[in-house]
PDB file of N, CA and C in Angstrom:
ATOM      1  N   MET A   1     -11.326  14.244 -16.489  1.00  0.00           N
ATOM      2  CA  MET A   1     -12.466  14.592 -16.169  1.00  0.00           C
ATOM      3  C   MET A   1     -13.485  13.219 -15.810  1.00  0.00           C
ATOM      4  N   LEU A   2     -14.337  13.583 -15.036  1.00  0.00           N
ATOM      5  CA  LEU A   2     -15.340  12.500 -14.354  1.00  0.00           C
ATOM      6  C   LEU A   2     -16.519  12.870 -15.162  1.00  0.00           C
ATOM      7  N   VAL A   3     -17.004  12.020 -15.977  1.00  0.00           N
ATOM      8  CA  VAL A   3     -18.206  12.079 -16.637  1.00  0.00           C
ATOM      9  C   VAL A   3     -18.982  10.513 -16.561  1.00  0.00           C
ATOM     10  N   THR A   4     -20.155  10.583 -16.115  1.00  0.00           N
ATOM     11  CA  THR A   4     -20.911   9.474 -15.991  1.00  0.00           C
ATOM     12  C   THR A   4     -20.582   8.471 -16.992  1.00  0.00           C
ATOM     13  N   GLY A   5     -20.139   7.544 -16.691  1.00  0.00           N
ATOM     14  CA  GLY A   5     -20.310   6.191 -17.450  1.00  0.00           C
ATOM     15  C   GLY A   5     -18.363   6.185 -18.116  1.00  0.00           C
ATOM     16  N   ASP A   6     -17.779   7.092 -17.485  1.00  0.00           N
ATOM     17  CA  ASP A   6     -16.571   7.035 -17.758  1.00  0.00           C
ATOM     18  C   ASP A   6     -15.399   7.568 -16.661  1.00  0.00           C
ATOM     19  N   ILE A   7     -15.758   6.601 -15.598  1.00  0.00           N
ATOM     20  CA  ILE A   7     -15.346   6.780 -14.479  1.00  0.00           C
ATOM     21  C   ILE A   7     -14.038   5.807 -14.144  1.00  0.00           C
ATOM     22  N   ASP A   8     -13.173   6.409 -14.030  1.00  0.00           N
ATOM     23  CA  ASP A   8     -11.507   5.621 -13.925  1.00  0.00           C
ATOM     24  C   ASP A   8     -11.220   5.580 -12.373  1.00  0.00           C
ATOM     25  N   VAL A   9     -11.710   4.847 -11.609  1.00  0.00           N
ATOM     26  CA  VAL A   9     -11.403   4.911 -10.160  1.00  0.00           C
ATOM     27  C   VAL A   9      -9.719   4.623 -10.072  1.00  0.00           C
ATOM     28  N   PRO A  10      -9.428   3.683 -10.619  1.00  0.00           N
ATOM     29  CA  PRO A  10      -7.796   3.477 -10.262  1.00  0.00           C
ATOM     30  C   PRO A  10      -6.974   4.729 -10.708  1.00  0.00           C
ATOM     31  N   ARG A  11      -7.339   5.049 -11.892  1.00  0.00           N
ATOM     32  CA  ARG A  11      -6.563   6.074 -11.917  1.00  0.00           C
ATOM     33  C   ARG A  11      -6.639   7.236 -11.249  1.00  0.00           C
ATOM     34  N   ALA A  12      -8.036   7.632 -10.938  1.00  0.00           N
ATOM     35  CA  ALA A  12      -8.053   8.817 -10.083  1.00  0.00           C
ATOM     36  C   ALA A  12      -7.456   8.697  -8.459  1.00  0.00           C
ATOM     37  N   PHE A  13      -7.475   7.274  -8.178  1.00  0.00           N
ATOM     38  CA  PHE A  13      -6.648   7.134  -6.911  1.00  0.00           C
ATOM     39  C   PHE A  13      -5.122   7.100  -7.004  1.00  0.00           C
ATOM     40  N   GLN A  14      -4.738   6.933  -8.208  1.00  0.00           N
ATOM     41  CA  GLN A  14      -3.267   7.090  -8.524  1.00  0.00           C
ATOM     42  C   GLN A  14      -2.723   8.287  -8.594  1.00  0.00           C
ATOM     43  N   ARG A  15      -3.637   9.259  -9.344  1.00  0.00           N
ATOM     44  CA  ARG A  15      -3.523  10.610  -9.355  1.00  0.00           C
ATOM     45  C   ARG A  15      -3.325  11.154  -7.835  1.00  0.00           C
ATOM     46  N   TRP A  16      -4.312  10.874  -7.149  1.00  0.00           N
ATOM     47  CA  TRP A  16      -4.460  11.395  -5.712  1.00  0.00           C
ATOM     48  C   TRP A  16      -3.442  11.064  -5.075  1.00  0.00           C
ATOM     49  N   LEU A  17      -3.116   9.911  -4.717  1.00  0.00           N
ATOM     50  CA  LEU A  17      -1.612   9.573  -4.252  1.00  0.00           C
ATOM     51  C   LEU A  17      -0.463  10.145  -4.538  1.00  0.00           C
ATOM     52  N   GLU A  18      -0.202  10.396  -6.048  1.00  0.00           N
ATOM     53  CA  GLU A  18       0.697  10.999  -6.393  1.00  0.00           C
ATOM     54  C   GLU A  18       0.831  12.496  -5.994  1.00  0.00           C
ATOM     55  N   SER A  19      -0.181  13.139  -6.172  1.00  0.00           N
ATOM     56  CA  SER A  19      -0.380  14.572  -5.666  1.00  0.00           C
ATOM     57  C   SER A  19      -0.282  14.718  -4.208  1.00  0.00           C
ATOM     58  N   LYS A  20      -0.948  13.846  -3.563  1.00  0.00           N
ATOM     59  CA  LYS A  20      -0.583  14.097  -2.051  1.00  0.00           C
ATOM     60  C   LYS A  20       0.754  14.021  -1.459  1.00  0.00           C
ATOM     61  N   ARG A  21       1.700  13.241  -2.181  1.00  0.00           N
ATOM     62  CA  ARG A  21       3.172  12.836  -1.899  1.00  0.00           C
ATOM     63  C   ARG A  21       3.692  14.533  -2.267  1.00  0.00           C
ATOM     64  N   GLU A  22       3.270  14.851  -3.241  1.00  0.00           N
ATOM     65  CA  GLU A  22       3.930  16.139  -3.856  1.00  0.00           C
ATOM     66  C   GLU A  22       3.349  17.612  -3.136  1.00  0.00           C
ATOM     67  N   ASN A  23       2.341  17.347  -2.335  1.00  0.00           N
ATOM     68  CA  ASN A  23       1.633  18.403  -1.885  1.00  0.00           C
ATOM     69  C   ASN A  23       1.074  19.402  -2.953  1.00  0.00           C
ATOM     70  N   LYS A  24       0.746  18.714  -4.050  1.00  0.00           N
ATOM     71  CA  LYS A  24       0.215  19.854  -5.200  1.00  0.00           C
ATOM     72  C   LYS A  24      -0.968  20.320  -4.905  1.00  0.00           C
ATOM     73  N   TYR A  25      -1.993  19.399  -4.151  1.00  0.00           N
ATOM     74  CA  TYR A  25      -3.083  19.655  -3.893  1.00  0.00           C
ATOM     75  C   TYR A  25      -3.265  20.911  -2.965  1.00  0.00           C
ATOM     76  N   ALA A  26      -2.550  20.816  -1.966  1.00  0.00           N
ATOM     77  CA  ALA A  26      -2.434  21.999  -0.874  1.00  0.00           C
ATOM     78  C   ALA A  26      -2.108  23.271  -1.474  1.00  0.00           C
ATOM     79  N   ASP A  27      -0.857  23.159  -2.237  1.00  0.00           N
ATOM     80  CA  ASP A  27      -0.751  24.529  -2.986  1.00  0.00           C
ATOM     81  C   ASP A  27      -1.715  25.070  -3.877  1.00  0.00           C
ATOM     82  N   LEU A  28      -2.415  24.046  -4.844  1.00  0.00           N
ATOM     83  CA  LEU A  28      -3.664  24.687  -5.670  1.00  0.00           C
ATOM     84  C   LEU A  28      -4.631  25.212  -4.683  1.00  0.00           C
ATOM     85  N   ILE A  29      -4.860  24.623  -3.558  1.00  0.00           N
ATOM     86  CA  ILE A  29      -5.992  25.169  -2.814  1.00  0.00           C
ATOM     87  C   ILE A  29      -5.583  26.345  -2.176  1.00  0.00           C
ATOM     88  N   PHE A  30      -4.481  26.879  -1.886  1.00  0.00           N
ATOM     89  CA  PHE A  30      -4.016  28.182  -1.428  1.00  0.00           C
ATOM     90  C   PHE A  30      -3.806  29.087  -2.422  1.00  0.00           C
ATOM     91  N   GLU A  31      -3.845  28.869  -3.628  1.00  0.00           N
ATOM     92  CA  GLU A  31      -3.706  29.721  -4.679  1.00  0.00           C
ATOM     93  C   GLU A  31      -5.071  30.099  -5.275  1.00  0.00           C
ATOM     94  N   LEU A  32      -6.162  29.564  -4.668  1.00  0.00           N
ATOM     95  CA  LEU A  32      -7.605  29.718  -5.308  1.00  0.00           C
ATOM     96  C   LEU A  32      -8.062  31.037  -4.207  1.00  0.00           C
ATOM     97  N   SER A  33      -8.868  31.888  -4.982  1.00  0.00           N
ATOM     98  CA  SER A  33      -9.559  33.047  -3.812  1.00  0.00           C
ATOM     99  C   SER A  33     -10.584  32.176  -3.173  1.00  0.00           C
ATOM    100  N   ASP A  34     -11.154  32.951  -2.119  1.00  0.00           N
ATOM    101  CA  ASP A  34     -12.070  32.378  -1.153  1.00  0.00           C
ATOM    102  C   ASP A  34     -13.400  31.850  -2.129  1.00  0.00           C
ATOM    103  N   LEU A  35     -13.773  32.472  -2.870  1.00  0.00           N
ATOM    104  CA  LEU A  35     -14.930  32.235  -3.926  1.00  0.00           C
ATOM    105  C   LEU A  35     -14.734  31.105  -4.952  1.00  0.00           C
ATOM    106  N   GLU A  36     -13.441  30.971  -5.437  1.00  0.00           N
ATOM    107  CA  GLU A  36     -12.989  30.004  -6.131  1.00  0.00           C
ATOM    108  C   GLU A  36     -12.934  28.617  -5.267  1.00  0.00           C
ATOM    109  N   PHE A  37     -12.465  28.572  -4.089  1.00  0.00           N
ATOM    110  CA  PHE A  37     -12.536  27.493  -3.464  1.00  0.00           C
ATOM    111  C   PHE A  37     -13.782  26.990  -3.017  1.00  0.00           C
ATOM    112  N   ALA A  38     -14.674  27.986  -2.713  1.00  0.00           N
ATOM    113  CA  ALA A  38     -16.231  27.729  -2.206  1.00  0.00           C
ATOM    114  C   ALA A  38     -16.736  27.066  -3.650  1.00  0.00           C
ATOM    115  N   VAL A  39     -16.582  27.497  -4.743  1.00  0.00           N
ATOM    116  CA  VAL A  39     -16.966  26.862  -6.203  1.00  0.00           C
ATOM    117  C   VAL A  39     -16.634  25.180  -6.173  1.00  0.00           C
ATOM    118  N   VAL A  40     -15.375  25.203  -5.910  1.00  0.00           N
ATOM    119  CA  VAL A  40     -14.856  23.833  -6.275  1.00  0.00           C
ATOM    120  C   VAL A  40     -15.192  22.867  -4.870  1.00  0.00           C
ATOM    121  N   VAL A  41     -15.369  23.520  -3.744  1.00  0.00           N
ATOM    122  CA  VAL A  41     -15.902  22.429  -2.640  1.00  0.00           C
ATOM    123  C   VAL A  41     -17.295  22.106  -3.215  1.00  0.00           C
ATOM    124  N   ARG A  42     -18.104  23.228  -3.349  1.00  0.00           N
ATOM    125  CA  ARG A  42     -19.211  22.984  -3.767  1.00  0.00           C
ATOM    126  C   ARG A  42     -19.581  21.803  -4.773  1.00  0.00           C
ATOM    127  N   LEU A  43     -18.865  21.926  -5.868  1.00  0.00           N
ATOM    128  CA  LEU A  43     -19.019  20.972  -6.863  1.00  0.00           C
ATOM    129  C   LEU A  43     -18.641  19.425  -6.302  1.00  0.00           C
ATOM    130  N   ALA A  44     -17.687  19.718  -5.680  1.00  0.00           N
ATOM    131  CA  ALA A  44     -16.936  18.211  -5.180  1.00  0.00           C
ATOM    132  C   ALA A  44     -17.900  17.464  -4.111  1.00  0.00           C
ATOM    133  N   THR A  45     -18.608  18.548  -3.106  1.00  0.00           N
ATOM    134  CA  THR A  45     -19.251  17.650  -2.335  1.00  0.00           C
ATOM    135  C   THR A  45     -20.786  17.719  -2.118  1.00  0.00           C
ATOM    136  N   SER A  46     -21.440  18.536  -3.087  1.00  0.00           N
ATOM    137  CA  SER A  46     -22.792  18.701  -3.066  1.00  0.00           C
ATOM    138  C   SER A  46     -23.442  17.443  -3.798  1.00  0.00           C
ATOM    139  N   GLY A  47     -23.100  17.120  -4.797  1.00  0.00           N
ATOM    140  CA  GLY A  47     -23.633  16.081  -5.923  1.00  0.00           C
ATOM    141  C   GLY A  47     -24.557  16.948  -6.899  1.00  0.00           C
ATOM    142  N   ASP A  48     -24.419  18.272  -6.757  1.00  0.00           N
ATOM    143  CA  ASP A  48     -24.957  18.962  -7.830  1.00  0.00           C
ATOM    144  C   ASP A  48     -23.794  19.763  -8.808  1.00  0.00           C
ATOM    145  N   ASP A  49     -24.256  19.962  -9.962  1.00  0.00           N
ATOM    146  CA  ASP A  49     -23.317  20.287 -10.883  1.00  0.00           C
ATOM    147  C   ASP A  49     -23.569  21.887 -11.257  1.00  0.00           C
ATOM    148  N   SER A  50     -24.379  22.206 -10.800  1.00  0.00           N
ATOM    149  CA  SER A  50     -24.768  23.971 -11.008  1.00  0.00           C
ATOM    150  C   SER A  50     -24.399  24.654  -9.895  1.00  0.00           C
ATOM    151  N   VAL A  51     -23.483  25.852 -10.062  1.00  0.00           N
ATOM    152  CA  VAL A  51     -23.015  26.699  -9.015  1.00  0.00           C
ATOM    153  C   VAL A  51     -23.720  28.113  -9.030  1.00  0.00           C
ATOM    154  N   TYR A  52     -25.039  28.186  -9.906  1.00  0.00           N
ATOM    155  CA  TYR A  52     -25.563  29.396 -10.170  1.00  0.00           C
ATOM    156  C   TYR A  52     -26.973  29.552  -9.512  1.00  0.00           C
ATOM    157  N   THR A  53     -27.426  28.494  -8.700  1.00  0.00           N
ATOM    158  CA  THR A  53     -28.707  28.416  -8.095  1.00  0.00           C
ATOM    159  C   THR A  53     -28.782  29.087  -7.025  1.00  0.00           C
ATOM    160  N   ALA A  54     -29.792  29.726  -6.319  1.00  0.00           N
ATOM    161  CA  ALA A  54     -29.602  30.303  -5.088  1.00  0.00           C
ATOM    162  C   ALA A  54     -29.109  29.430  -4.073  1.00  0.00           C
ATOM    163  N   GLU A  55     -29.537  28.304  -3.923  1.00  0.00           N
ATOM    164  CA  GLU A  55     -29.098  27.234  -2.994  1.00  0.00           C
ATOM    165  C   GLU A  55     -27.680  27.211  -2.971  1.00  0.00           C
ATOM    166  N   ALA A  56     -27.066  26.992  -4.175  1.00  0.00           N
ATOM    167  CA  ALA A  56     -25.600  27.034  -4.254  1.00  0.00           C
ATOM    168  C   ALA A  56     -24.804  28.097  -3.696  1.00  0.00           C
ATOM    169  N   ARG A  57     -25.299  29.286  -4.265  1.00  0.00           N
ATOM    170  CA  ARG A  57     -24.635  30.308  -3.891  1.00  0.00           C
ATOM    171  C   ARG A  57     -24.655  30.500  -2.356  1.00  0.00           C
ATOM    172  N   GLN A  58     -25.691  30.409  -1.827  1.00  0.00           N
ATOM    173  CA  GLN A  58     -26.153  30.355  -0.311  1.00  0.00           C
ATOM    174  C   GLN A  58     -25.213  29.286   0.605  1.00  0.00           C
ATOM    175  N   ALA A  59     -24.976  28.361  -0.032  1.00  0.00           N
ATOM    176  CA  ALA A  59     -24.013  27.331   0.385  1.00  0.00           C
ATOM    177  C   ALA A  59     -22.611  28.029   0.354  1.00  0.00           C
ATOM    178  N   MET A  60     -22.084  28.621  -0.583  1.00  0.00           N
ATOM    179  CA  MET A  60     -20.844  29.214  -0.801  1.00  0.00           C
ATOM    180  C   MET A  60     -20.719  30.335   0.026  1.00  0.00           C
ATOM    181  N   ALA A  61     -21.505  30.953   0.228  1.00  0.00           N
ATOM    182  CA  ALA A  61     -21.536  32.289   1.330  1.00  0.00           C
ATOM    183  C   ALA A  61     -21.364  31.674   2.695  1.00  0.00           C
ATOM    184  N   GLU A  62     -22.061  30.289   2.991  1.00  0.00           N
ATOM    185  CA  GLU A  62     -21.992  29.977   4.571  1.00  0.00           C
ATOM    186  C   GLU A  62     -20.380  29.492   4.468  1.00  0.00           C
ATOM    187  N   LEU A  63     -19.887  28.777   3.201  1.00  0.00           N
ATOM    188  CA  LEU A  63     -18.482  28.170   3.690  1.00  0.00           C
ATOM    189  C   LEU A  63     -17.367  29.479   3.633  1.00  0.00           C
ATOM    190  N   MET A  64     -17.784  30.513   3.006  1.00  0.00           N
ATOM    191  CA  MET A  64     -17.148  31.785   3.021  1.00  0.00           C
ATOM    192  C   MET A  64     -17.112  32.551   4.261  1.00  0.00           C
ATOM    193  N   GLN A  65     -18.169  32.061   5.054  1.00  0.00           N
ATOM    194  CA  GLN A  65     -18.516  32.825   6.457  1.00  0.00           C
ATOM    195  C   GLN A  65     -18.824  34.265   5.987  1.00  0.00           C
ATOM    196  N   THR A  66     -19.813  34.371   5.128  1.00  0.00           N
ATOM    197  CA  THR A  66     -20.297  35.975   4.647  1.00  0.00           C
ATOM    198  C   THR A  66     -22.031  35.795   4.818  1.00  0.00           C
ATOM    199  N   SER A  67     -22.540  36.644   5.019  1.00  0.00           N
ATOM    200  CA  SER A  67     -23.980  36.752   4.927  1.00  0.00           C
ATOM    201  C   SER A  67     -24.580  36.835   3.832  1.00  0.00           C
ATOM    202  N   ARG A  68     -24.088  37.338   2.806  1.00  0.00           N
ATOM    203  CA  ARG A  68     -24.509  37.510   1.640  1.00  0.00           C
ATOM    204  C   ARG A  68     -24.257  36.470   0.576  1.00  0.00           C
ATOM    205  N   PRO A  69     -25.001  35.825  -0.325  1.00  0.00           N
ATOM    206  CA  PRO A  69     -24.422  34.925  -1.346  1.00  0.00           C
ATOM    207  C   PRO A  69     -23.611  35.820  -2.376  1.00  0.00           C
ATOM    208  N   PRO A  70     -22.801  34.954  -3.147  1.00  0.00           N
ATOM    209  CA  PRO A  70     -22.039  35.838  -4.098  1.00  0.00           C
ATOM    210  C   PRO A  70     -22.809  35.957  -5.346  1.00  0.00           C
ATOM    211  N   GLU A  71     -22.725  37.163  -5.930  1.00  0.00           N
ATOM    212  CA  GLU A  71     -23.470  37.443  -7.120  1.00  0.00           C
ATOM    213  C   GLU A  71     -23.229  36.347  -8.259  1.00  0.00           C
ATOM    214  N   THR A  72     -24.092  36.358  -9.083  1.00  0.00           N
ATOM    215  CA  THR A  72     -24.060  35.357 -10.214  1.00  0.00           C
ATOM    216  C   THR A  72     -22.898  35.745 -11.280  1.00  0.00           C
ATOM    217  N   SER A  73     -22.686  37.104 -11.308  1.00  0.00           N
ATOM    218  CA  SER A  73     -21.676  37.700 -11.941  1.00  0.00           C
ATOM    219  C   SER A  73     -20.357  37.128 -11.399  1.00  0.00           C
ATOM    220  N   LYS A  74     -20.225  37.127 -10.128  1.00  0.00           N
ATOM    221  CA  LYS A  74     -18.855  37.035  -9.936  1.00  0.00           C
ATOM    222  C   LYS A  74     -18.617  35.162  -9.707  1.00  0.00           C
ATOM    223  N   VAL A  75     -19.982  34.445  -9.499  1.00  0.00           N
ATOM    224  CA  VAL A  75     -19.737  33.091  -9.803  1.00  0.00           C
ATOM    225  C   VAL A  75     -19.108  32.923 -11.211  1.00  0.00           C
ATOM    226  N   GLN A  76     -19.616  33.737 -12.228  1.00  0.00           N
ATOM    227  CA  GLN A  76     -19.153  33.302 -13.438  1.00  0.00           C
ATOM    228  C   GLN A  76     -17.616  33.553 -13.627  1.00  0.00           C
ATOM    229  N   THR A  77     -17.486  34.730 -13.220  1.00  0.00           N
ATOM    230  CA  THR A  77     -15.750  34.940 -13.294  1.00  0.00           C
ATOM    231  C   THR A  77     -14.938  33.871 -12.466  1.00  0.00           C
ATOM    232  N   ALA A  78     -15.383  33.174 -11.344  1.00  0.00           N
ATOM    233  CA  ALA A  78     -14.837  32.251 -10.907  1.00  0.00           C
ATOM    234  C   ALA A  78     -14.813  31.368 -11.663  1.00  0.00           C
ATOM    235  N   ILE A  79     -15.923  30.887 -12.310  1.00  0.00           N
ATOM    236  CA  ILE A  79     -16.045  29.503 -13.075  1.00  0.00           C
ATOM    237  C   ILE A  79     -14.902  29.924 -14.368  1.00  0.00           C
ATOM    238  N   ARG A  80     -14.994  30.694 -14.761  1.00  0.00           N
ATOM    239  CA  ARG A  80     -14.068  31.044 -16.112  1.00  0.00           C
ATOM    240  C   ARG A  80     -12.503  30.873 -15.716  1.00  0.00           C
ATOM    241  N   ARG A  81     -12.289  31.439 -14.736  1.00  0.00           N
ATOM    242  CA  ARG A  81     -10.770  31.131 -14.296  1.00  0.00           C
ATOM    243  C   ARG A  81     -10.611  29.676 -13.730  1.00  0.00           C
ATOM    244  N   LEU A  82     -11.330  29.113 -13.322  1.00  0.00           N
ATOM    245  CA  LEU A  82     -11.356  27.936 -12.922  1.00  0.00           C
ATOM    246  C   LEU A  82     -11.136  26.909 -14.143  1.00  0.00           C
ATOM    247  N   THR A  83     -12.078  27.167 -15.098  1.00  0.00           N
ATOM    248  CA  THR A  83     -12.026  26.483 -16.402  1.00  0.00           C
ATOM    249  C   THR A  83     -10.652  26.822 -17.116  1.00  0.00           C
ATOM    250  N   GLY A  84     -10.050  28.031 -17.138  1.00  0.00           N
ATOM    251  CA  GLY A  84      -8.987  28.538 -17.928  1.00  0.00           C
ATOM    252  C   GLY A  84      -7.997  27.812 -17.325  1.00  0.00           C
ATOM    253  N   ALA A  85      -8.192  27.397 -16.140  1.00  0.00           N
ATOM    254  CA  ALA A  85      -6.818  26.890 -15.412  1.00  0.00           C
ATOM    255  C   ALA A  85      -7.052  25.276 -15.441  1.00  0.00           C
ATOM    256  N   GLY A  86      -8.012  24.738 -16.005  1.00  0.00           N
ATOM    257  CA  GLY A  86      -8.251  23.266 -15.979  1.00  0.00           C
ATOM    258  C   GLY A  86      -8.612  22.818 -14.814  1.00  0.00           C
ATOM    259  N   ILE A  87      -8.998  23.598 -13.807  1.00  0.00           N
ATOM    260  CA  ILE A  87      -9.645  22.904 -12.403  1.00  0.00           C
ATOM    261  C   ILE A  87     -11.020  22.480 -12.494  1.00  0.00           C
ATOM    262  N   VAL A  88     -11.821  23.141 -13.266  1.00  0.00           N
ATOM    263  CA  VAL A  88     -13.122  22.688 -13.616  1.00  0.00           C
ATOM    264  C   VAL A  88     -13.390  22.435 -15.110  1.00  0.00           C
ATOM    265  N   ASP A  89     -14.229  21.494 -15.573  1.00  0.00           N
ATOM    266  CA  ASP A  89     -14.666  21.433 -16.799  1.00  0.00           C
ATOM    267  C   ASP A  89     -16.362  21.579 -17.076  1.00  0.00           C
ATOM    268  N   PRO A  90     -16.926  21.976 -17.924  1.00  0.00           N
ATOM    269  CA  PRO A  90     -18.110  21.859 -18.410  1.00  0.00           C
ATOM    270  C   PRO A  90     -18.637  20.563 -18.529  1.00  0.00           C
ATOM    271  N   THR A  91     -19.714  20.052 -18.141  1.00  0.00           N
ATOM    272  CA  THR A  91     -20.254  18.789 -18.159  1.00  0.00           C
ATOM    273  C   THR A  91     -21.050  18.346 -19.640  1.00  0.00           C
ATOM    274  N   GLY A  92     -21.122  19.660 -20.457  1.00  0.00           N
ATOM    275  CA  GLY A  92     -21.951  19.568 -21.663  1.00  0.00           C
ATOM    276  C   GLY A  92     -23.533  20.259 -21.585  1.00  0.00           C
ATOM    277  N   THR A  93     -23.751  20.213 -20.353  1.00  0.00           N
ATOM    278  CA  THR A  93     -24.951  20.683 -20.121  1.00  0.00           C
ATOM    279  C   THR A  93     -24.732  22.267 -19.624  1.00  0.00           C
ATOM    280  N   LYS A  94     -25.581  22.953 -20.262  1.00  0.00           N
ATOM    281  CA  LYS A  94     -25.324  24.523 -20.168  1.00  0.00           C
ATOM    282  C   LYS A  94     -25.523  24.822 -18.548  1.00  0.00           C
ATOM    283  N   GLY A  95     -24.502  25.650 -18.117  1.00  0.00           N
ATOM    284  CA  GLY A  95     -24.149  25.852 -16.343  1.00  0.00           C
ATOM    285  C   GLY A  95     -24.025  24.650 -15.659  1.00  0.00           C
ATOM    286  N   SER A  96     -23.313  23.616 -16.110  1.00  0.00           N
ATOM    287  CA  SER A  96     -23.221  22.618 -15.463  1.00  0.00           C
ATOM    288  C   SER A  96     -21.547  22.163 -15.437  1.00  0.00           C
ATOM    289  N   TYR A  97     -21.049  22.164 -14.164  1.00  0.00           N
ATOM    290  CA  TYR A  97     -19.606  21.945 -13.870  1.00  0.00           C
ATOM    291  C   TYR A  97     -19.178  20.662 -13.392  1.00  0.00           C
ATOM    292  N   GLU A  98     -17.839  20.370 -13.449  1.00  0.00           N
ATOM    293  CA  GLU A  98     -17.286  19.213 -12.587  1.00  0.00           C
ATOM    294  C   GLU A  98     -15.886  19.604 -12.260  1.00  0.00           C
ATOM    295  N   ILE A  99     -15.335  18.839 -11.348  1.00  0.00           N
ATOM    296  CA  ILE A  99     -14.037  19.016 -10.999  1.00  0.00           C
ATOM    297  C   ILE A  99     -13.130  18.212 -12.007  1.00  0.00           C
ATOM    298  N   ALA A 100     -12.081  18.740 -12.705  1.00  0.00           N
ATOM    299  CA  ALA A 100     -11.514  18.178 -13.904  1.00  0.00           C
ATOM    300  C   ALA A 100     -10.529  16.930 -13.464  1.00  0.00           C
ATOM    301  N   ASP A 101      -9.965  17.187 -11.938  1.00  0.00           N
ATOM    302  CA  ASP A 101      -9.064  16.134 -11.644  1.00  0.00           C
ATOM    303  C   ASP A 101      -9.876  15.341 -10.681  1.00  0.00           C
ATOM    304  N   GLN A 102     -10.015  14.068 -10.951  1.00  0.00           N
ATOM    305  CA  GLN A 102     -10.686  13.292  -9.760  1.00  0.00           C
ATOM    306  C   GLN A 102      -9.899  13.344  -8.586  1.00  0.00           C
ATOM    307  N   GLY A 103      -8.800  13.260  -8.362  1.00  0.00           N
ATOM    308  CA  GLY A 103      -7.855  13.007  -7.360  1.00  0.00           C
ATOM    309  C   GLY A 103      -7.981  14.521  -6.705  1.00  0.00           C
ATOM    310  N   PHE A 104      -8.185  15.672  -7.265  1.00  0.00           N
ATOM    311  CA  PHE A 104      -8.571  16.973  -6.482  1.00  0.00           C
ATOM    312  C   PHE A 104      -9.720  16.679  -5.869  1.00  0.00           C
ATOM    313  N   GLN A 105     -10.834  16.141  -6.743  1.00  0.00           N
ATOM    314  CA  GLN A 105     -12.222  15.952  -6.016  1.00  0.00           C
ATOM    315  C   GLN A 105     -12.072  15.136  -4.686  1.00  0.00           C
ATOM    316  N   ILE A 106     -11.165  13.989  -4.823  1.00  0.00           N
ATOM    317  CA  ILE A 106     -11.234  13.245  -3.625  1.00  0.00           C
ATOM    318  C   ILE A 106     -10.780  14.042  -2.380  1.00  0.00           C
ATOM    319  N   VAL A 107      -9.531  14.882  -2.449  1.00  0.00           N
ATOM    320  CA  VAL A 107      -9.170  15.544  -1.718  1.00  0.00           C
ATOM    321  C   VAL A 107     -10.200  16.860  -1.268  1.00  0.00           C
ATOM    322  N   LEU A 108     -10.656  17.339  -1.887  1.00  0.00           N
ATOM    323  CA  LEU A 108     -11.921  18.504  -1.590  1.00  0.00           C
ATOM    324  C   LEU A 108     -12.784  17.558  -0.667  1.00  0.00           C
ATOM    325  N   LYS A 109     -13.214  16.534  -0.631  1.00  0.00           N
ATOM    326  CA  LYS A 109     -14.156  15.712   0.075  1.00  0.00           C
ATOM    327  C   LYS A 109     -13.433  15.388   1.489  1.00  0.00           C
ATOM    328  N   GLU A 110     -12.111  15.354   1.855  1.00  0.00           N
ATOM    329  CA  GLU A 110     -11.850  14.931   2.887  1.00  0.00           C
ATOM    330  C   GLU A 110     -11.940  16.158   3.843  1.00  0.00           C
ATOM    331  N   PRO A 111     -12.427  15.579   5.187  1.00  0.00           N
ATOM    332  CA  PRO A 111     -12.837  16.727   6.387  1.00  0.00           C
ATOM    333  C   PRO A 111     -11.840  17.665   6.432  1.00  0.00           C
ATOM    334  N   GLN A 112     -10.497  17.192   6.528  1.00  0.00           N
ATOM    335  CA  GLN A 112      -9.655  18.164   6.901  1.00  0.00           C
ATOM    336  C   GLN A 112      -9.409  19.456   6.085  1.00  0.00           C
ATOM    337  N   THR A 113      -9.863  19.209   4.758  1.00  0.00           N
ATOM    338  CA  THR A 113      -9.660  20.149   3.556  1.00  0.00           C
ATOM    339  C   THR A 113     -10.473  21.151   3.968  1.00  0.00           C
ATOM    340  N   LEU A 114     -11.540  21.418   4.705  1.00  0.00           N
ATOM    341  CA  LEU A 114     -12.561  22.685   5.278  1.00  0.00           C
ATOM    342  C   LEU A 114     -12.335  22.935   6.425  1.00  0.00           C
ATOM    343  N   GLY A 115     -11.252  22.163   7.215  1.00  0.00           N
ATOM    344  CA  GLY A 115     -10.849  22.708   8.217  1.00  0.00           C
ATOM    345  C   GLY A 115     -10.039  23.900   8.392  1.00  0.00           C
ATOM    346  N   PRO A 116      -9.381  24.563   9.628  1.00  0.00           N
ATOM    347  CA  PRO A 116      -8.622  25.660   9.782  1.00  0.00           C
ATOM    348  C   PRO A 116      -7.632  25.757   8.674  1.00  0.00           C
ATOM    349  N   ALA A 117      -7.352  26.715   8.027  1.00  0.00           N
ATOM    350  CA  ALA A 117      -6.448  26.967   6.739  1.00  0.00           C
ATOM    351  C   ALA A 117      -5.061  27.407   7.496  1.00  0.00           C
ATOM    352  N   SER A 118      -4.048  26.564   6.937  1.00  0.00           N
ATOM    353  CA  SER A 118      -2.897  27.017   7.134  1.00  0.00           C
ATOM    354  C   SER A 118      -1.944  26.686   6.079  1.00  0.00           C
ATOM    355  N   PRO A 119      -0.942  27.670   5.434  1.00  0.00           N
ATOM    356  CA  PRO A 119      -0.398  27.722   4.356  1.00  0.00           C
ATOM    357  C   PRO A 119       0.602  26.257   4.210  1.00  0.00           C
ATOM    358  N   PRO A 120       0.716  25.861   3.346  1.00  0.00           N
ATOM    359  CA  PRO A 120       1.598  24.572   3.086  1.00  0.00           C
ATOM    360  C   PRO A 120       3.148  25.211   3.328  1.00  0.00           C
ATOM    361  N   THR A 121       3.723  24.300   3.991  1.00  0.00           N
ATOM    362  CA  THR A 121       5.227  24.177   4.458  1.00  0.00           C
ATOM    363  C   THR A 121       6.165  23.806   3.317  1.00  0.00           C
TER     364      THR A 121
END
């Protein structure tokens, strides 16, 4: 978990390297639904820890290339699944979340992560 004041950059970097070698993050990305992927990308790249605002939901719609933002209830369902899978964690503030694995957050910020999708080999 990446919590302000508790940042372990060397550990995050090590986990990122290990996971890249094993292609674990690519497998994880391809297991996510479009909305779940949009949620984690939003959390990793926006600097905002809420995914329920109109602005956040509009950004997710743009990432999913749809004209309508996802309904709040759909975002809640995605958050429940992501939290249950240990992909995101609540920050302690109601409605605020963060990427649980710092290495995964690094991967989500890489430009090629948002490029054309192709399944891992």
